[in-house]
């Protein structure tokens, strides 16, 4: 007999205490942090939804794997155990471990991009964009049009606009497009998945123009689950089978394994081009370490190998997606405008719709982040003009982001239902008093990734 309640497919063996704070304490702490949640001490946060990157709980099997870690500098057994898993899931000929995803991005773009090049993506996330632009290339986002409408319902709002891709290549010339990248799931666009049909269509465009296709695979397993649930022809396939097909259309990938690798540190860079791999290996040796450890301990490689298999477990994925949807329903029932439908790793609040009295240049998303912390000790992150805007050095005017969102990123296997219920209650209270919220002024910034360290003052 089917049950409505989807339970966590694990038991709790170890617990970490949460330090409770009062609102008065949080007022002082937030002022000290310049109204930037990144600058708060973790010990002063009750429910930390800043990111799902490296914040998950590892399984008993992963901890056992760490004890098997081989700490040899070169050719460690841990590397070959990871290589076996990479072949099993992704199928690329060559791969390099890195300490995290942005290291893989830096090496890839330094190896492939020149000043004046253009890198299309369904939507670049912050470090991806920064690493593209650090080479003098231009990062261009071309999501489908409906992706810019938070309240609109579409099963695959993470898709790339294929016609816009063709037009961009025609405009700049295929020789100026070193690669096309698809981010799965689309983090900046609300954690939305991309369909296999869209991947095939993008692959066909790349083939016509001789351009490599890369996948930013941070949340590949969550995307595979959405394909299984929403796309015709995949309901009877396993997540592993779907993943193998997904990556068969790509020439390479980058990955922060701190997401769907279920580890606290680690990343991957893979490709099928031997010449490119050799070039990337030289760059990796320069800043990360020997190619068989890539800046990681052997125990980290073993934990990653185990996590990459665990993340494709059907019971885990069912729980993971259901728990995120549970928070999304709670907020929707309270009248909070969110990106619909709920994505895989996070719920995204539409701050522009919730706070129409705060203009973009007064950072409605950042104001909401601050209020969530003050009201309930919850740490979230703005994904809007603070993260993706920029000040024009000549005019002094600020470029605003296409959407003003606040992301509530849910760490994997960390919080219980009562924690999520608490988040919903706090958010409902903030929403009820939304007319009292004021905007912020940025008092200090350090581009290009200014959101990590910027400071603000209340208007």
Protein backbone atom coordinates (compact mmCIF):
# COMPACT_ATOMS: atom_id res chain seq x y z
CA UNK A 1 0.00 0.00 0.00
CA UNK A 2 1.46 3.39 -0.98
CA UNK A 3 2.19 5.98 1.67
CA UNK A 4 2.03 9.75 1.32
CA UNK A 5 4.98 10.36 3.65
CA UNK A 6 8.44 9.95 2.16
CA UNK A 7 10.86 9.23 5.00
CA UNK A 8 14.58 9.99 5.15
CA UNK A 9 16.39 6.86 3.83
CA UNK A 10 18.90 6.97 6.70
CA UNK A 11 19.21 7.01 10.49
CA UNK A 12 21.11 9.59 12.53
CA UNK A 13 24.28 8.26 14.19
CA UNK A 14 26.10 11.47 15.14
CA UNK A 15 24.69 14.91 15.98
CA UNK A 16 26.11 18.43 16.07
CA UNK A 17 24.66 20.98 18.52
CA UNK A 18 23.12 24.22 17.25
CA UNK A 19 23.91 27.38 19.20
CA UNK A 20 20.69 29.28 19.88
CA UNK A 21 20.79 33.07 19.60
CA UNK A 22 18.30 35.83 20.44
CA UNK A 23 17.06 38.51 18.05
CA UNK A 24 18.92 41.19 20.03
CA UNK A 25 22.15 39.23 19.63
CA UNK A 26 21.53 38.79 15.92
CA UNK A 27 20.95 42.52 15.41
CA UNK A 28 24.45 43.19 16.75
CA UNK A 29 26.02 40.28 14.85
CA UNK A 30 24.49 41.31 11.53
CA UNK A 31 25.62 44.91 11.93
CA UNK A 32 29.17 43.67 12.64
CA UNK A 33 28.99 41.57 9.45
CA UNK A 34 27.93 44.56 7.35
CA UNK A 35 24.58 42.92 6.57
CA UNK A 36 26.39 40.24 4.57
CA UNK A 37 25.51 36.69 5.63
CA UNK A 38 28.82 35.40 4.24
CA UNK A 39 30.61 37.36 6.97
CA UNK A 40 28.69 35.81 9.87
CA UNK A 41 30.34 33.18 12.02
CA UNK A 42 28.76 29.77 11.47
CA UNK A 43 28.37 29.30 15.22
CA UNK A 44 25.93 32.23 15.23
CA UNK A 45 23.63 30.67 12.60
CA UNK A 46 20.71 28.45 13.62
CA UNK A 47 19.72 27.00 10.23
CA UNK A 48 22.42 27.43 7.58
CA UNK A 49 20.97 27.49 4.06
CA UNK A 50 23.72 29.66 2.59
CA UNK A 51 24.82 26.87 0.25
CA UNK A 52 24.54 23.15 -0.39
CA UNK A 53 28.20 23.10 -1.45
CA UNK A 54 30.30 20.95 0.86
CA UNK A 55 27.79 21.27 3.69
CA UNK A 56 26.22 17.80 3.49
CA UNK A 57 26.59 14.87 5.87
CA UNK A 58 28.68 11.93 4.74
CA UNK A 59 27.43 8.37 5.10
CA UNK A 60 28.91 5.61 7.26
CA UNK A 61 30.23 4.01 4.07
CA UNK A 62 31.96 7.26 3.08
CA UNK A 63 33.63 7.50 6.49
CA UNK A 64 34.76 3.90 6.09
CA UNK A 65 36.11 4.79 2.64
CA UNK A 66 38.17 7.59 4.19
CA UNK A 67 39.96 5.05 6.36
CA UNK A 68 41.02 3.27 3.16
CA UNK A 69 42.53 6.45 1.74
CA UNK A 70 45.97 5.96 0.21
CA UNK A 71 48.05 9.09 0.88
CA UNK A 72 50.78 8.27 -1.64
CA UNK A 73 51.82 11.38 -3.58
CA UNK A 74 51.56 9.76 -7.02
CA UNK A 75 49.50 6.85 -8.31
CA UNK A 76 47.60 6.25 -5.07
CA UNK A 77 45.06 3.42 -4.92
CA UNK A 78 42.43 6.01 -4.03
CA UNK A 79 42.89 7.67 -7.42
CA UNK A 80 42.28 4.42 -9.28
CA UNK A 81 39.20 3.66 -7.21
CA UNK A 82 37.84 7.08 -8.20
CA UNK A 83 38.84 6.49 -11.84
CA UNK A 84 36.73 3.33 -11.87
CA UNK A 85 33.67 5.29 -10.73
CA UNK A 86 34.30 8.09 -13.26
CA UNK A 87 34.35 5.53 -16.05
CA UNK A 88 31.24 3.82 -14.72
CA UNK A 89 29.11 6.99 -14.50
CA UNK A 90 30.53 9.62 -16.85
CA UNK A 91 32.50 7.64 -19.43
CA UNK A 92 35.11 10.27 -20.33
CA UNK A 93 38.57 9.11 -21.46
CA UNK A 94 40.54 11.47 -19.21
CA UNK A 95 39.89 13.14 -15.87
CA UNK A 96 41.67 15.21 -13.25
CA UNK A 97 40.66 15.53 -9.59
CA UNK A 98 40.68 19.10 -8.25
CA UNK A 99 40.16 20.57 -4.80
CA UNK A 100 36.78 21.99 -5.85
CA UNK A 101 34.75 23.02 -8.90
CA UNK A 102 36.19 26.49 -9.40
CA UNK A 103 39.66 24.97 -9.77
CA UNK A 104 38.34 22.78 -12.58
CA UNK A 105 36.72 25.84 -14.18
CA UNK A 106 39.91 27.89 -13.96
CA UNK A 107 41.99 25.15 -15.60
CA UNK A 108 39.41 24.52 -18.34
CA UNK A 109 38.95 28.15 -19.33
CA UNK A 110 42.64 29.02 -19.12
CA UNK A 111 43.27 26.09 -21.47
CA UNK A 112 40.55 26.93 -24.00
CA UNK A 113 39.65 30.64 -23.92
CA UNK A 114 41.31 33.70 -25.44
CA UNK A 115 40.45 37.39 -25.08
CA UNK A 116 37.41 38.16 -27.20
CA UNK A 117 36.00 34.62 -27.09
CA UNK A 118 32.40 33.94 -26.09
CA UNK A 119 31.25 31.08 -23.84
CA UNK A 120 27.49 30.40 -24.00
CA UNK A 121 25.70 28.73 -21.07
CA UNK A 122 22.09 28.20 -20.13
CA UNK A 123 23.10 30.34 -17.13
CA UNK A 124 26.59 30.72 -15.69
CA UNK A 125 26.90 30.64 -11.93
CA UNK A 126 29.16 33.10 -10.11
CA UNK A 127 32.56 31.37 -10.17
CA UNK A 128 31.98 30.00 -13.68
CA UNK A 129 31.31 33.49 -15.00
CA UNK A 130 34.29 34.93 -13.11
CA UNK A 131 36.68 32.28 -14.43
CA UNK A 132 35.48 32.80 -18.02
CA UNK A 133 35.87 36.56 -17.77
CA UNK A 134 39.28 36.29 -16.07
CA UNK A 135 40.62 35.01 -19.42
CA UNK A 136 39.26 38.04 -21.31
CA UNK A 137 36.40 36.00 -22.77
CA UNK A 138 32.73 36.89 -22.41
CA UNK A 139 30.21 34.72 -20.54
CA UNK A 140 26.78 34.80 -22.19
CA UNK A 141 23.58 33.42 -20.66
CA UNK A 142 20.93 32.11 -23.06
CA UNK A 143 18.19 30.39 -21.06
CA UNK A 144 14.77 29.82 -22.59
CA UNK A 145 12.51 32.86 -22.19
CA UNK A 146 10.18 31.32 -19.62
CA UNK A 147 13.15 30.81 -17.27
CA UNK A 148 13.08 34.56 -16.56
CA UNK A 149 9.51 34.33 -15.23
CA UNK A 150 9.74 32.95 -11.68
CA UNK A 151 6.04 32.12 -11.26
CA UNK A 152 5.66 30.36 -14.63
CA UNK A 153 5.40 26.57 -14.66
CA UNK A 154 7.57 24.55 -17.05
CA UNK A 155 9.08 21.11 -16.41
CA UNK A 156 12.51 22.07 -17.76
CA UNK A 157 13.08 25.77 -17.13
CA UNK A 158 16.81 25.09 -17.10
CA UNK A 159 16.89 24.52 -20.86
CA UNK A 160 19.10 26.51 -23.20
CA UNK A 161 17.49 28.59 -25.96
CA UNK A 162 18.74 26.66 -28.99
CA UNK A 163 17.71 29.31 -31.52
CA UNK A 164 19.52 31.98 -29.49
CA UNK A 165 22.61 29.74 -29.44
CA UNK A 166 22.55 29.47 -33.23
CA UNK A 167 22.13 33.24 -33.52
CA UNK A 168 25.01 33.91 -31.12
CA UNK A 169 27.36 31.59 -33.03
CA UNK A 170 26.35 33.25 -36.31
CA UNK A 171 27.00 36.68 -34.80
CA UNK A 172 30.46 36.07 -33.32
CA UNK A 173 31.68 33.21 -35.50
CA UNK A 174 32.22 29.60 -34.44
CA UNK A 175 35.98 30.18 -34.17
CA UNK A 176 35.31 32.57 -31.26
CA UNK A 177 33.27 30.01 -29.31
CA UNK A 178 35.76 27.64 -27.65
CA UNK A 179 33.01 25.62 -26.01
CA UNK A 180 29.33 25.61 -25.10
CA UNK A 181 28.41 24.77 -21.50
CA UNK A 182 25.22 23.45 -19.94
CA UNK A 183 24.75 23.81 -16.17
CA UNK A 184 22.72 20.92 -14.71
CA UNK A 185 20.69 21.78 -12.81
CA UNK A 186 20.56 25.49 -13.64
CA UNK A 187 21.56 27.04 -10.30
CA UNK A 188 21.23 30.74 -11.15
CA UNK A 189 17.88 30.05 -12.81
CA UNK A 190 16.26 28.57 -9.71
CA UNK A 191 17.80 25.09 -9.57
CA UNK A 192 15.78 24.12 -12.64
CA UNK A 193 16.55 20.98 -14.66
CA UNK A 194 17.43 20.64 -18.31
CA UNK A 195 15.76 18.00 -20.50
CA UNK A 196 17.58 15.28 -22.41
CA UNK A 197 15.83 16.54 -25.55
CA UNK A 198 17.42 19.96 -25.03
CA UNK A 199 20.86 18.42 -24.45
CA UNK A 200 20.56 16.55 -27.74
CA UNK A 201 19.47 19.73 -29.54
CA UNK A 202 22.42 21.70 -28.15
CA UNK A 203 24.73 18.82 -29.10
CA UNK A 204 23.43 18.98 -32.67
CA UNK A 205 24.20 22.71 -32.88
CA UNK A 206 27.71 22.10 -31.52
CA UNK A 207 28.28 19.33 -34.07
CA UNK A 208 27.22 21.57 -36.96
CA UNK A 209 29.76 24.20 -35.94
CA UNK A 210 32.54 21.96 -34.61
CA UNK A 211 32.26 23.31 -31.05
CA UNK A 212 32.84 21.12 -27.96
CA UNK A 213 29.98 20.72 -25.48
CA UNK A 214 30.75 20.72 -21.76
CA UNK A 215 28.50 20.01 -18.81
CA UNK A 216 28.76 21.73 -15.44
CA UNK A 217 27.76 18.59 -13.55
CA UNK A 218 27.48 19.88 -9.95
CA UNK A 219 23.94 18.56 -9.53
CA UNK A 220 23.80 15.97 -12.30
CA UNK A 221 22.00 13.33 -10.21
CA UNK A 222 19.18 15.70 -9.28
CA UNK A 223 18.81 16.61 -12.96
CA UNK A 224 18.69 12.92 -13.90
CA UNK A 225 15.89 12.39 -11.37
CA UNK A 226 13.83 15.19 -12.94
CA UNK A 227 14.36 13.64 -16.39
CA UNK A 228 13.16 10.30 -14.99
CA UNK A 229 10.06 11.91 -13.48
CA UNK A 230 9.14 14.44 -16.18
CA UNK A 231 10.46 13.41 -19.60
CA UNK A 232 8.75 10.84 -21.78
CA UNK A 233 10.67 7.61 -22.23
CA UNK A 234 12.72 7.71 -19.04
CA UNK A 235 10.32 6.55 -16.29
CA UNK A 236 11.68 2.99 -16.37
CA UNK A 237 15.36 3.96 -16.53
CA UNK A 238 17.66 4.12 -13.52
CA UNK A 239 19.39 7.40 -12.61
CA UNK A 240 22.69 5.75 -13.59
CA UNK A 241 21.38 4.87 -17.05
CA UNK A 242 20.10 8.41 -17.51
CA UNK A 243 23.43 9.85 -16.36
CA UNK A 244 25.34 7.71 -18.84
CA UNK A 245 23.18 8.97 -21.68
CA UNK A 246 23.44 12.58 -20.51
CA UNK A 247 27.24 12.55 -20.50
CA UNK A 248 27.47 10.61 -23.76
CA UNK A 249 26.43 13.84 -25.52
CA UNK A 250 29.28 15.86 -23.94
CA UNK A 251 32.94 16.31 -24.80
CA UNK A 252 33.86 17.07 -21.21
CA UNK A 253 32.67 18.25 -17.81
CA UNK A 254 33.52 20.25 -14.76
CA UNK A 255 32.10 19.38 -11.38
CA UNK A 256 32.12 20.59 -7.83
CA UNK A 257 31.80 17.24 -6.06
CA UNK A 258 30.75 19.21 -2.96
CA UNK A 259 27.21 18.97 -4.31
CA UNK A 260 26.24 15.66 -5.93
CA UNK A 261 29.55 14.04 -4.98
CA UNK A 262 28.23 14.14 -1.39
CA UNK A 263 31.61 15.25 -0.03
CA UNK A 264 32.85 18.28 1.88
CA UNK A 265 35.68 19.03 -0.56
CA UNK A 266 36.58 17.97 -4.07
CA UNK A 267 36.01 18.54 -7.78
CA UNK A 268 36.50 16.99 -11.21
CA UNK A 269 37.59 18.02 -14.70
CA UNK A 270 37.11 15.51 -17.52
CA UNK A 271 37.37 15.41 -21.30
CA UNK A 272 37.90 13.15 -24.32
CA UNK A 273 40.64 15.27 -25.95
CA UNK A 274 44.10 13.90 -25.13
CA UNK A 275 45.95 17.03 -26.24
CA UNK A 276 43.71 19.25 -24.09
CA UNK A 277 44.08 16.86 -21.16
CA UNK A 278 47.87 17.17 -21.31
CA UNK A 279 47.63 20.96 -21.32
CA UNK A 280 45.20 20.88 -18.38
CA UNK A 281 47.48 18.50 -16.49
CA UNK A 282 50.34 20.97 -16.74
CA UNK A 283 48.18 23.74 -15.28
CA UNK A 284 46.93 21.46 -12.53
CA UNK A 285 50.48 20.53 -11.50
CA UNK A 286 51.30 24.24 -11.28
CA UNK A 287 48.66 25.13 -8.70
CA UNK A 288 46.77 22.02 -7.50
CA UNK A 289 49.22 19.13 -7.23
CA UNK A 290 50.11 15.92 -9.04
CA UNK A 291 47.39 14.75 -11.48
CA UNK A 292 46.51 11.70 -9.40
CA UNK A 293 45.57 13.73 -6.34
CA UNK A 294 44.76 17.23 -7.62
CA UNK A 295 45.01 19.06 -4.31
CA UNK A 296 43.07 16.44 -2.35
CA UNK A 297 44.02 13.88 0.26
CA UNK A 298 43.65 10.25 -0.76
CA UNK A 299 40.84 9.87 1.76
CA UNK A 300 38.93 12.65 -0.04
CA UNK A 301 39.24 10.79 -3.34
CA UNK A 302 37.84 7.64 -1.74
CA UNK A 303 34.96 9.50 -0.10
CA UNK A 304 34.15 11.09 -3.48
CA UNK A 305 34.16 7.72 -5.24
CA UNK A 306 31.67 6.35 -2.72
CA UNK A 307 29.52 9.50 -2.76
CA UNK A 308 29.19 9.53 -6.56
CA UNK A 309 27.66 6.06 -6.41
CA UNK A 310 25.43 6.83 -3.42
CA UNK A 311 23.96 9.97 -5.01
CA UNK A 312 22.38 7.90 -7.78
CA UNK A 313 20.42 5.74 -5.33
CA UNK A 314 16.69 5.99 -6.13
CA UNK A 315 15.60 6.14 -2.48
CA UNK A 316 18.04 8.95 -1.76
CA UNK A 317 16.98 11.00 -4.79
CA UNK A 318 13.28 10.53 -4.08
CA UNK A 319 13.82 11.83 -0.52
CA UNK A 320 16.08 14.65 -1.67
CA UNK A 321 13.68 16.10 -4.24
CA UNK A 322 10.63 15.55 -2.01
CA UNK A 323 12.20 17.36 0.95
CA UNK A 324 12.95 20.43 -1.18
CA UNK A 325 9.44 20.38 -2.64
CA UNK A 326 8.05 20.17 0.92
CA UNK A 327 9.61 23.54 1.77
CA UNK A 328 8.43 24.98 -1.53
CA UNK A 329 4.83 23.99 -0.80
CA UNK A 330 5.07 25.44 2.70
CA UNK A 331 6.18 28.82 1.38
CA UNK A 332 3.64 28.85 -1.45
CA UNK A 333 0.82 28.11 1.00
CA UNK A 334 2.01 31.09 3.08
CA UNK A 335 1.79 33.33 0.01
CA UNK A 336 5.54 33.66 -0.46
CA UNK A 337 6.39 34.06 -4.18
CA UNK A 338 8.98 31.48 -5.24
CA UNK A 339 10.49 30.18 -8.47
CA UNK A 340 8.09 27.55 -9.76
CA UNK A 341 8.28 24.61 -9.93
CA UNK A 342 10.56 23.89 -6.97
CA UNK A 343 14.06 22.84 -8.06
CA UNK A 344 16.24 20.08 -6.70
CA UNK A 345 18.67 21.56 -4.22
CA UNK A 346 17.00 24.79 -3.10
CA UNK A 347 13.90 26.93 -2.92
CA UNK A 348 14.30 30.36 -4.55
CA UNK A 349 12.23 33.26 -3.23
CA UNK A 350 11.27 35.93 -5.76
CA UNK A 351 12.42 38.97 -3.75
CA UNK A 352 11.39 41.43 -6.46
CA UNK A 353 7.78 40.19 -6.31
CA UNK A 354 7.76 40.00 -2.53
CA UNK A 355 9.34 43.43 -1.97
CA UNK A 356 8.18 45.62 -4.89
CA UNK A 357 8.77 48.75 -2.82
CA UNK A 358 12.55 48.09 -2.79
CA UNK A 359 14.18 48.85 -6.18
CA UNK A 360 16.91 46.62 -7.57
CA UNK A 361 19.67 49.13 -6.79
CA UNK A 362 18.66 48.93 -3.13
CA UNK A 363 19.07 45.14 -3.19
CA UNK A 364 15.74 43.57 -2.24
CA UNK A 365 17.28 40.11 -2.12
CA UNK A 366 20.03 41.18 0.25
CA UNK A 367 17.46 42.96 2.43
CA UNK A 368 15.45 39.75 2.63
CA UNK A 369 18.56 37.73 3.50
CA UNK A 370 19.23 40.13 6.37
CA UNK A 371 15.66 39.93 7.66
CA UNK A 372 15.65 36.11 7.59
CA UNK A 373 18.69 36.10 9.83
CA UNK A 374 17.29 38.72 12.19
CA UNK A 375 13.91 37.02 12.47
CA UNK A 376 15.02 33.41 12.83
CA UNK A 377 18.79 33.00 12.63
CA UNK A 378 18.49 31.54 9.11
CA UNK A 379 21.34 32.18 6.70
CA UNK A 380 20.48 32.34 2.98
CA UNK A 381 22.11 33.89 -0.08
CA UNK A 382 21.07 36.58 -2.55
CA UNK A 383 21.13 35.66 -6.24
CA UNK A 384 20.40 38.97 -7.90
CA UNK A 385 22.02 42.35 -8.40
CA UNK A 386 24.49 41.92 -5.53
CA UNK A 387 25.80 38.68 -7.04
CA UNK A 388 25.46 39.40 -10.75
CA UNK A 389 25.28 43.17 -11.01
CA UNK A 390 28.27 45.44 -11.49
CA UNK A 391 29.09 49.12 -11.34
CA UNK A 392 30.10 50.73 -14.63
CA UNK A 393 33.46 52.43 -13.94
CA UNK A 394 32.72 55.27 -16.38
CA UNK A 395 29.08 56.15 -15.67
CA UNK A 396 28.96 54.91 -12.08
CA UNK A 397 25.61 53.27 -12.86
CA UNK A 398 24.90 49.74 -11.73
CA UNK A 399 23.90 46.92 -14.04
CA UNK A 400 21.02 45.03 -12.44
CA UNK A 401 20.38 41.29 -12.62
CA UNK A 402 17.45 39.84 -14.62
CA UNK A 403 15.92 38.38 -11.45
CA UNK A 404 16.16 39.27 -7.75
CA UNK A 405 16.16 35.93 -5.92
CA UNK A 406 17.00 34.60 -2.47
CA UNK A 407 18.17 30.98 -2.41
CA UNK A 408 17.43 28.66 0.48
CA UNK A 409 19.93 25.90 -0.34
CA UNK A 410 19.29 22.68 1.58
CA UNK A 411 22.39 20.70 2.61
CA UNK A 412 22.18 16.99 1.83
CA UNK A 413 21.23 14.61 4.66
CA UNK A 414 21.60 17.32 7.35
CA UNK A 415 18.25 18.76 8.48
CA UNK A 416 15.09 17.05 9.71
CA UNK A 417 11.51 17.93 8.86
CA UNK A 418 11.18 20.05 12.02
CA UNK A 419 14.11 22.20 10.87
CA UNK A 420 12.39 22.76 7.53
CA UNK A 421 9.07 23.50 9.27
CA UNK A 422 10.88 26.15 11.32
CA UNK A 423 12.24 27.74 8.13
CA UNK A 424 8.73 27.85 6.69
CA UNK A 425 7.33 29.49 9.84
CA UNK A 426 10.05 32.15 9.94
CA UNK A 427 9.64 32.92 6.24
CA UNK A 428 5.87 33.22 6.67
CA UNK A 429 6.38 35.75 9.49
CA UNK A 430 8.83 37.76 7.39
CA UNK A 431 6.39 37.72 4.49
CA UNK A 432 3.56 38.95 6.73
CA UNK A 433 5.69 41.98 7.70
CA UNK A 434 7.27 42.51 4.27
CA UNK A 435 6.05 46.10 3.92
CA UNK A 436 8.29 47.14 6.83
CA UNK A 437 11.52 45.93 5.19
CA UNK A 438 13.95 48.58 3.95
CA UNK A 439 16.60 48.43 1.27
CA UNK A 440 20.37 48.51 1.66
CA UNK A 441 23.23 50.59 0.33
CA UNK A 442 26.50 48.90 -0.60
CA UNK A 443 29.30 50.62 1.35
CA UNK A 444 32.22 48.48 0.13
CA UNK A 445 32.82 45.95 -2.62
CA UNK A 446 35.61 43.96 -4.22
CA UNK A 447 34.80 42.73 -7.76
CA UNK A 448 34.49 40.38 -9.53
CA UNK A 449 32.92 38.13 -6.86
CA UNK A 450 31.84 41.05 -4.71
CA UNK A 451 28.98 39.26 -2.97
CA UNK A 452 31.39 37.20 -0.86
CA UNK A 453 32.88 40.20 0.93
CA UNK A 454 30.72 43.29 0.24
CA UNK A 455 29.41 45.33 3.14
CA UNK A 456 26.09 47.14 3.41
CA UNK A 457 24.21 49.66 5.53
CA UNK A 458 20.49 49.98 6.14
CA UNK A 459 18.76 52.82 4.31
